[in-house]
């Protein structure tokens, strides 16, 4: 999110006064996770890896980065789904699922947002 863009309606509805901080922290977590994934891939490629498996092996790190970023916010809690090796974050009862970093590297994560279609319901 850039300055002055405000927060999407869905974020304000679910997170209230924390909405802007939640949005900022989600972006920060995803930026850190994607950077770590790229660094792992770059190292592996430098060592002769010829596929993207090292990058893919880092998918779970986004949950850890999100958990770390959300700590301290009101309504924060985590839980480990049965059989999972990672923890998920719930904030104000809303499950935060970092399911995709980006579909393209041409747009920085700080400019990516979820469309605000929920207000029309």
Foldseek 3Di string as FASTA:
>chain_A
DDPPPDAFPVLCVQPPPCSVVLLVQLLVLLVVLQVVLVVQQVVVVVVPDDDSVSSVVSPQSSQVSSLVSCPPDPQWDWDAPVPHPGIWIARSNRTDDPPDSDPDPPDRSNPDDDDRPVVVD
